[in-house]
Amino acid sequence: MMEDNKTDRDILAKGLKTMGVSLGCMFLGPTLVYVALTNQEKPLYIPILILAIIICCLAIFFAFKGINTIMDSMFKKK
């Protein structure tokens, strides 16, 4: 008997939410990097730059996690 491989909609929704978080970080991180680098004389230059780099790293992390979750919803056997 052939197994029925259907997409698990709950896991797919979780993956899409994760990709949404990644998308938000993809816009916020580079914007903060730009703001930090254009205001180098301000006292908050270093903390904003560090925060921006962390957000950029989180964007990459959430993108991989989201894609992995979406793939699991489509191809993982139950």
PDB file of N, CA and C in Angstrom:
ATOM      1  N   MET A   1       0.829  -1.176   0.000  1.00  0.00           N
ATOM      2  CA  MET A   1       0.000   0.000   0.000  1.00  0.00           C
ATOM      3  C   MET A   1       0.886   1.257   0.000  1.00  0.00           C
ATOM      4  N   MET A   2       0.566   2.182  -0.848  1.00  0.00           N
ATOM      5  CA  MET A   2       1.387   3.380  -0.977  1.00  0.00           C
ATOM      6  C   MET A   2       1.025   4.404   0.098  1.00  0.00           C
ATOM      7  N   GLU A   3       2.073   4.998   0.701  1.00  0.00           N
ATOM      8  CA  GLU A   3       1.824   6.005   1.739  1.00  0.00           C
ATOM      9  C   GLU A   3       1.303   7.282   1.118  1.00  0.00           C
ATOM     10  N   ASP A   4       0.430   7.953   1.843  1.00  0.00           N
ATOM     11  CA  ASP A   4      -0.157   9.195   1.371  1.00  0.00           C
ATOM     12  C   ASP A   4       0.672  10.360   1.907  1.00  0.00           C
ATOM     13  N   ASN A   5       1.488  10.979   1.043  1.00  0.00           N
ATOM     14  CA  ASN A   5       2.337  12.102   1.454  1.00  0.00           C
ATOM     15  C   ASN A   5       1.632  13.415   1.170  1.00  0.00           C
ATOM     16  N   LYS A   6       0.911  13.915   2.151  1.00  0.00           N
ATOM     17  CA  LYS A   6       0.251  15.202   2.013  1.00  0.00           C
ATOM     18  C   LYS A   6       0.971  16.220   2.879  1.00  0.00           C
ATOM     19  N   THR A   7       0.827  17.470   2.517  1.00  0.00           N
ATOM     20  CA  THR A   7       1.457  18.545   3.279  1.00  0.00           C
ATOM     21  C   THR A   7       0.741  18.718   4.611  1.00  0.00           C
ATOM     22  N   ASP A   8       1.519  18.746   5.687  1.00  0.00           N
ATOM     23  CA  ASP A   8       0.970  19.016   7.020  1.00  0.00           C
ATOM     24  C   ASP A   8       0.783  20.524   7.153  1.00  0.00           C
ATOM     25  N   ARG A   9      -0.465  20.964   7.141  1.00  0.00           N
ATOM     26  CA  ARG A   9      -0.755  22.397   7.097  1.00  0.00           C
ATOM     27  C   ARG A   9      -0.330  23.128   8.367  1.00  0.00           C
ATOM     28  N   ASP A  10      -0.383  22.469   9.519  1.00  0.00           N
ATOM     29  CA  ASP A  10       0.027  23.119  10.764  1.00  0.00           C
ATOM     30  C   ASP A  10       1.521  23.424  10.757  1.00  0.00           C
ATOM     31  N   ILE A  11       2.318  22.457  10.321  1.00  0.00           N
ATOM     32  CA  ILE A  11       3.766  22.660  10.261  1.00  0.00           C
ATOM     33  C   ILE A  11       4.100  23.675   9.177  1.00  0.00           C
ATOM     34  N   LEU A  12       3.357  23.635   8.062  1.00  0.00           N
ATOM     35  CA  LEU A  12       3.580  24.620   6.997  1.00  0.00           C
ATOM     36  C   LEU A  12       3.303  26.033   7.503  1.00  0.00           C
ATOM     37  N   ALA A  13       2.237  26.219   8.259  1.00  0.00           N
ATOM     38  CA  ALA A  13       1.913  27.545   8.804  1.00  0.00           C
ATOM     39  C   ALA A  13       3.009  28.022   9.751  1.00  0.00           C
ATOM     40  N   LYS A  14       3.535  27.103  10.563  1.00  0.00           N
ATOM     41  CA  LYS A  14       4.629  27.454  11.472  1.00  0.00           C
ATOM     42  C   LYS A  14       5.866  27.892  10.682  1.00  0.00           C
ATOM     43  N   GLY A  15       6.167  27.189   9.597  1.00  0.00           N
ATOM     44  CA  GLY A  15       7.300  27.549   8.750  1.00  0.00           C
ATOM     45  C   GLY A  15       7.116  28.899   8.085  1.00  0.00           C
ATOM     46  N   LEU A  16       5.895  29.191   7.640  1.00  0.00           N
ATOM     47  CA  LEU A  16       5.640  30.485   7.006  1.00  0.00           C
ATOM     48  C   LEU A  16       5.731  31.631   8.010  1.00  0.00           C
ATOM     49  N   LYS A  17       5.309  31.384   9.249  1.00  0.00           N
ATOM     50  CA  LYS A  17       5.459  32.405  10.293  1.00  0.00           C
ATOM     51  C   LYS A  17       6.935  32.685  10.552  1.00  0.00           C
ATOM     52  N   THR A  18       7.734  31.627  10.588  1.00  0.00           N
ATOM     53  CA  THR A  18       9.175  31.783  10.792  1.00  0.00           C
ATOM     54  C   THR A  18       9.791  32.573   9.636  1.00  0.00           C
ATOM     55  N   MET A  19       9.332  32.304   8.416  1.00  0.00           N
ATOM     56  CA  MET A  19       9.830  33.053   7.269  1.00  0.00           C
ATOM     57  C   MET A  19       9.401  34.522   7.343  1.00  0.00           C
ATOM     58  N   GLY A  20       8.228  34.788   7.922  1.00  0.00           N
ATOM     59  CA  GLY A  20       7.790  36.163   8.114  1.00  0.00           C
ATOM     60  C   GLY A  20       8.686  36.913   9.083  1.00  0.00           C
ATOM     61  N   VAL A  21       9.084  36.230  10.160  1.00  0.00           N
ATOM     62  CA  VAL A  21      10.019  36.834  11.121  1.00  0.00           C
ATOM     63  C   VAL A  21      11.347  37.119  10.422  1.00  0.00           C
ATOM     64  N   SER A  22      11.782  36.172   9.603  1.00  0.00           N
ATOM     65  CA  SER A  22      13.035  36.361   8.857  1.00  0.00           C
ATOM     66  C   SER A  22      12.925  37.555   7.919  1.00  0.00           C
ATOM     67  N   LEU A  23      11.800  37.704   7.257  1.00  0.00           N
ATOM     68  CA  LEU A  23      11.614  38.819   6.336  1.00  0.00           C
ATOM     69  C   LEU A  23      11.682  40.154   7.078  1.00  0.00           C
ATOM     70  N   GLY A  24      11.062  40.213   8.245  1.00  0.00           N
ATOM     71  CA  GLY A  24      11.142  41.431   9.052  1.00  0.00           C
ATOM     72  C   GLY A  24      12.568  41.758   9.442  1.00  0.00           C
ATOM     73  N   CYS A  25      13.315  40.735   9.844  1.00  0.00           N
ATOM     74  CA  CYS A  25      14.720  40.939  10.211  1.00  0.00           C
ATOM     75  C   CYS A  25      15.561  41.341   8.999  1.00  0.00           C
ATOM     76  N   MET A  26      15.193  40.838   7.812  1.00  0.00           N
ATOM     77  CA  MET A  26      15.940  41.173   6.602  1.00  0.00           C
ATOM     78  C   MET A  26      15.811  42.653   6.251  1.00  0.00           C
ATOM     79  N   PHE A  27      14.720  43.285   6.628  1.00  0.00           N
ATOM     80  CA  PHE A  27      14.573  44.721   6.389  1.00  0.00           C
ATOM     81  C   PHE A  27      15.139  45.543   7.541  1.00  0.00           C
ATOM     82  N   LEU A  28      14.891  45.102   8.765  1.00  0.00           N
ATOM     83  CA  LEU A  28      15.300  45.866   9.936  1.00  0.00           C
ATOM     84  C   LEU A  28      16.823  45.899  10.109  1.00  0.00           C
ATOM     85  N   GLY A  29      17.491  44.754   9.928  1.00  0.00           N
ATOM     86  CA  GLY A  29      18.939  44.674  10.131  1.00  0.00           C
ATOM     87  C   GLY A  29      19.735  45.624   9.250  1.00  0.00           C
ATOM     88  N   PRO A  30      19.598  45.526   7.916  1.00  0.00           N
ATOM     89  CA  PRO A  30      20.354  46.447   7.051  1.00  0.00           C
ATOM     90  C   PRO A  30      19.972  47.916   7.246  1.00  0.00           C
ATOM     91  N   THR A  31      18.708  48.178   7.585  1.00  0.00           N
ATOM     92  CA  THR A  31      18.313  49.559   7.851  1.00  0.00           C
ATOM     93  C   THR A  31      19.061  50.107   9.061  1.00  0.00           C
ATOM     94  N   LEU A  32      19.159  49.298  10.117  1.00  0.00           N
ATOM     95  CA  LEU A  32      19.895  49.737  11.300  1.00  0.00           C
ATOM     96  C   LEU A  32      21.392  49.878  11.024  1.00  0.00           C
ATOM     97  N   VAL A  33      21.938  49.002  10.177  1.00  0.00           N
ATOM     98  CA  VAL A  33      23.351  49.137   9.801  1.00  0.00           C
ATOM     99  C   VAL A  33      23.567  50.473   9.100  1.00  0.00           C
ATOM    100  N   TYR A  34      22.666  50.820   8.182  1.00  0.00           N
ATOM    101  CA  TYR A  34      22.778  52.094   7.477  1.00  0.00           C
ATOM    102  C   TYR A  34      22.683  53.273   8.438  1.00  0.00           C
ATOM    103  N   VAL A  35      21.702  53.211   9.347  1.00  0.00           N
ATOM    104  CA  VAL A  35      21.534  54.290  10.320  1.00  0.00           C
ATOM    105  C   VAL A  35      22.783  54.428  11.189  1.00  0.00           C
ATOM    106  N   ALA A  36      23.325  53.305  11.621  1.00  0.00           N
ATOM    107  CA  ALA A  36      24.514  53.347  12.478  1.00  0.00           C
ATOM    108  C   ALA A  36      25.713  53.924  11.728  1.00  0.00           C
ATOM    109  N   LEU A  37      25.903  53.500  10.491  1.00  0.00           N
ATOM    110  CA  LEU A  37      27.085  53.943   9.741  1.00  0.00           C
ATOM    111  C   LEU A  37      26.987  55.384   9.266  1.00  0.00           C
ATOM    112  N   THR A  38      25.770  55.935   9.168  1.00  0.00           N
ATOM    113  CA  THR A  38      25.646  57.331   8.763  1.00  0.00           C
ATOM    114  C   THR A  38      25.718  58.282   9.957  1.00  0.00           C
ATOM    115  N   ASN A  39      25.665  57.740  11.178  1.00  0.00           N
ATOM    116  CA  ASN A  39      25.733  58.569  12.386  1.00  0.00           C
ATOM    117  C   ASN A  39      26.893  58.132  13.279  1.00  0.00           C
ATOM    118  N   GLN A  40      28.086  58.067  12.721  1.00  0.00           N
ATOM    119  CA  GLN A  40      29.235  57.548  13.466  1.00  0.00           C
ATOM    120  C   GLN A  40      29.675  58.474  14.593  1.00  0.00           C
ATOM    121  N   GLU A  41      29.303  59.722  14.538  1.00  0.00           N
ATOM    122  CA  GLU A  41      29.721  60.652  15.592  1.00  0.00           C
ATOM    123  C   GLU A  41      28.807  60.595  16.811  1.00  0.00           C
ATOM    124  N   LYS A  42      27.693  59.894  16.724  1.00  0.00           N
ATOM    125  CA  LYS A  42      26.741  59.816  17.844  1.00  0.00           C
ATOM    126  C   LYS A  42      27.234  58.810  18.892  1.00  0.00           C
ATOM    127  N   PRO A  43      26.826  58.983  20.155  1.00  0.00           N
ATOM    128  CA  PRO A  43      27.300  58.075  21.210  1.00  0.00           C
ATOM    129  C   PRO A  43      26.709  56.664  21.119  1.00  0.00           C
ATOM    130  N   LEU A  44      25.567  56.508  20.461  1.00  0.00           N
ATOM    131  CA  LEU A  44      24.948  55.176  20.364  1.00  0.00           C
ATOM    132  C   LEU A  44      25.371  54.413  19.104  1.00  0.00           C
ATOM    133  N   TYR A  45      26.420  54.877  18.442  1.00  0.00           N
ATOM    134  CA  TYR A  45      26.887  54.245  17.203  1.00  0.00           C
ATOM    135  C   TYR A  45      27.217  52.758  17.393  1.00  0.00           C
ATOM    136  N   ILE A  46      28.048  52.436  18.366  1.00  0.00           N
ATOM    137  CA  ILE A  46      28.477  51.047  18.581  1.00  0.00           C
ATOM    138  C   ILE A  46      27.317  50.133  19.005  1.00  0.00           C
ATOM    139  N   PRO A  47      26.489  50.512  19.997  1.00  0.00           N
ATOM    140  CA  PRO A  47      25.379  49.620  20.367  1.00  0.00           C
ATOM    141  C   PRO A  47      24.390  49.369  19.218  1.00  0.00           C
ATOM    142  N   ILE A  48      24.097  50.404  18.424  1.00  0.00           N
ATOM    143  CA  ILE A  48      23.172  50.218  17.308  1.00  0.00           C
ATOM    144  C   ILE A  48      23.789  49.316  16.246  1.00  0.00           C
ATOM    145  N   LEU A  49      25.083  49.472  15.999  1.00  0.00           N
ATOM    146  CA  LEU A  49      25.761  48.623  15.017  1.00  0.00           C
ATOM    147  C   LEU A  49      25.783  47.171  15.480  1.00  0.00           C
ATOM    148  N   ILE A  50      26.055  46.933  16.751  1.00  0.00           N
ATOM    149  CA  ILE A  50      26.054  45.569  17.286  1.00  0.00           C
ATOM    150  C   ILE A  50      24.656  44.962  17.180  1.00  0.00           C
ATOM    151  N   LEU A  51      23.637  45.725  17.546  1.00  0.00           N
ATOM    152  CA  LEU A  51      22.251  45.250  17.445  1.00  0.00           C
ATOM    153  C   LEU A  51      21.891  44.928  15.998  1.00  0.00           C
ATOM    154  N   ALA A  52      22.317  45.765  15.080  1.00  0.00           N
ATOM    155  CA  ALA A  52      22.015  45.550  13.667  1.00  0.00           C
ATOM    156  C   ALA A  52      22.667  44.273  13.150  1.00  0.00           C
ATOM    157  N   ILE A  53      23.904  44.022  13.543  1.00  0.00           N
ATOM    158  CA  ILE A  53      24.595  42.804  13.099  1.00  0.00           C
ATOM    159  C   ILE A  53      23.922  41.566  13.682  1.00  0.00           C
ATOM    160  N   ILE A  54      23.486  41.647  14.928  1.00  0.00           N
ATOM    161  CA  ILE A  54      22.767  40.521  15.542  1.00  0.00           C
ATOM    162  C   ILE A  54      21.458  40.263  14.797  1.00  0.00           C
ATOM    163  N   ILE A  55      20.740  41.321  14.437  1.00  0.00           N
ATOM    164  CA  ILE A  55      19.472  41.154  13.717  1.00  0.00           C
ATOM    165  C   ILE A  55      19.715  40.561  12.331  1.00  0.00           C
ATOM    166  N   CYS A  56      20.799  40.952  11.665  1.00  0.00           N
ATOM    167  CA  CYS A  56      21.135  40.364  10.365  1.00  0.00           C
ATOM    168  C   CYS A  56      21.427  38.864  10.495  1.00  0.00           C
ATOM    169  N   CYS A  57      22.134  38.484  11.551  1.00  0.00           N
ATOM    170  CA  CYS A  57      22.412  37.061  11.792  1.00  0.00           C
ATOM    171  C   CYS A  57      21.122  36.301  12.093  1.00  0.00           C
ATOM    172  N   LEU A  58      20.222  36.917  12.846  1.00  0.00           N
ATOM    173  CA  LEU A  58      18.936  36.292  13.135  1.00  0.00           C
ATOM    174  C   LEU A  58      18.109  36.102  11.868  1.00  0.00           C
ATOM    175  N   ALA A  59      18.206  37.033  10.921  1.00  0.00           N
ATOM    176  CA  ALA A  59      17.487  36.897   9.652  1.00  0.00           C
ATOM    177  C   ALA A  59      17.935  35.641   8.910  1.00  0.00           C
ATOM    178  N   ILE A  60      19.247  35.413   8.885  1.00  0.00           N
ATOM    179  CA  ILE A  60      19.779  34.219   8.225  1.00  0.00           C
ATOM    180  C   ILE A  60      19.325  32.962   8.963  1.00  0.00           C
ATOM    181  N   PHE A  61      19.409  32.982  10.293  1.00  0.00           N
ATOM    182  CA  PHE A  61      19.009  31.822  11.097  1.00  0.00           C
ATOM    183  C   PHE A  61      17.530  31.477  10.873  1.00  0.00           C
ATOM    184  N   PHE A  62      16.664  32.497  10.969  1.00  0.00           N
ATOM    185  CA  PHE A  62      15.235  32.233  10.803  1.00  0.00           C
ATOM    186  C   PHE A  62      14.888  31.813   9.381  1.00  0.00           C
ATOM    187  N   ALA A  63      15.622  32.289   8.393  1.00  0.00           N
ATOM    188  CA  ALA A  63      15.375  31.865   7.012  1.00  0.00           C
ATOM    189  C   ALA A  63      15.671  30.374   6.855  1.00  0.00           C
ATOM    190  N   PHE A  64      16.817  29.922   7.358  1.00  0.00           N
ATOM    191  CA  PHE A  64      17.142  28.494   7.272  1.00  0.00           C
ATOM    192  C   PHE A  64      16.150  27.654   8.063  1.00  0.00           C
ATOM    193  N   LYS A  65      15.797  28.114   9.262  1.00  0.00           N
ATOM    194  CA  LYS A  65      14.854  27.370  10.090  1.00  0.00           C
ATOM    195  C   LYS A  65      13.481  27.300   9.414  1.00  0.00           C
ATOM    196  N   GLY A  66      13.044  28.394   8.822  1.00  0.00           N
ATOM    197  CA  GLY A  66      11.750  28.421   8.151  1.00  0.00           C
ATOM    198  C   GLY A  66      11.711  27.514   6.935  1.00  0.00           C
ATOM    199  N   ILE A  67      12.757  27.568   6.121  1.00  0.00           N
ATOM    200  CA  ILE A  67      12.812  26.703   4.934  1.00  0.00           C
ATOM    201  C   ILE A  67      12.845  25.241   5.353  1.00  0.00           C
ATOM    202  N   ASN A  68      13.604  24.927   6.391  1.00  0.00           N
ATOM    203  CA  ASN A  68      13.670  23.549   6.882  1.00  0.00           C
ATOM    204  C   ASN A  68      12.298  23.079   7.376  1.00  0.00           C
ATOM    205  N   THR A  69      11.584  23.937   8.092  1.00  0.00           N
ATOM    206  CA  THR A  69      10.269  23.576   8.597  1.00  0.00           C
ATOM    207  C   THR A  69       9.286  23.365   7.452  1.00  0.00           C
ATOM    208  N   ILE A  70       9.341  24.228   6.441  1.00  0.00           N
ATOM    209  CA  ILE A  70       8.457  24.080   5.280  1.00  0.00           C
ATOM    210  C   ILE A  70       8.765  22.782   4.540  1.00  0.00           C
ATOM    211  N   MET A  71      10.029  22.450   4.384  1.00  0.00           N
ATOM    212  CA  MET A  71      10.395  21.191   3.723  1.00  0.00           C
ATOM    213  C   MET A  71       9.918  19.981   4.528  1.00  0.00           C
ATOM    214  N   ASP A  72      10.040  20.078   5.856  1.00  0.00           N
ATOM    215  CA  ASP A  72       9.548  18.988   6.698  1.00  0.00           C
ATOM    216  C   ASP A  72       8.043  18.803   6.550  1.00  0.00           C
ATOM    217  N   SER A  73       7.301  19.906   6.397  1.00  0.00           N
ATOM    218  CA  SER A  73       5.849  19.784   6.265  1.00  0.00           C
ATOM    219  C   SER A  73       5.470  19.103   4.968  1.00  0.00           C
ATOM    220  N   MET A  74       6.306  19.225   3.940  1.00  0.00           N
ATOM    221  CA  MET A  74       5.970  18.649   2.648  1.00  0.00           C
ATOM    222  C   MET A  74       6.496  17.220   2.453  1.00  0.00           C
ATOM    223  N   PHE A  75       7.691  16.956   2.959  1.00  0.00           N
ATOM    224  CA  PHE A  75       8.359  15.708   2.590  1.00  0.00           C
ATOM    225  C   PHE A  75       8.579  14.727   3.727  1.00  0.00           C
ATOM    226  N   LYS A  76       8.400  15.124   4.975  1.00  0.00           N
ATOM    227  CA  LYS A  76       8.662  14.227   6.089  1.00  0.00           C
ATOM    228  C   LYS A  76       7.555  13.172   6.182  1.00  0.00           C
ATOM    229  N   LYS A  77       7.976  11.946   6.373  1.00  0.00           N
ATOM    230  CA  LYS A  77       6.985  10.860   6.518  1.00  0.00           C
ATOM    231  C   LYS A  77       6.528  10.773   7.950  1.00  0.00           C
ATOM    232  N   LYS A  78       5.268  10.485   8.116  1.00  0.00           N
ATOM    233  CA  LYS A  78       4.693  10.411   9.467  1.00  0.00           C
ATOM    234  C   LYS A  78       4.820   9.013  10.034  1.00  0.00           C
TER     235      LYS A  78
END
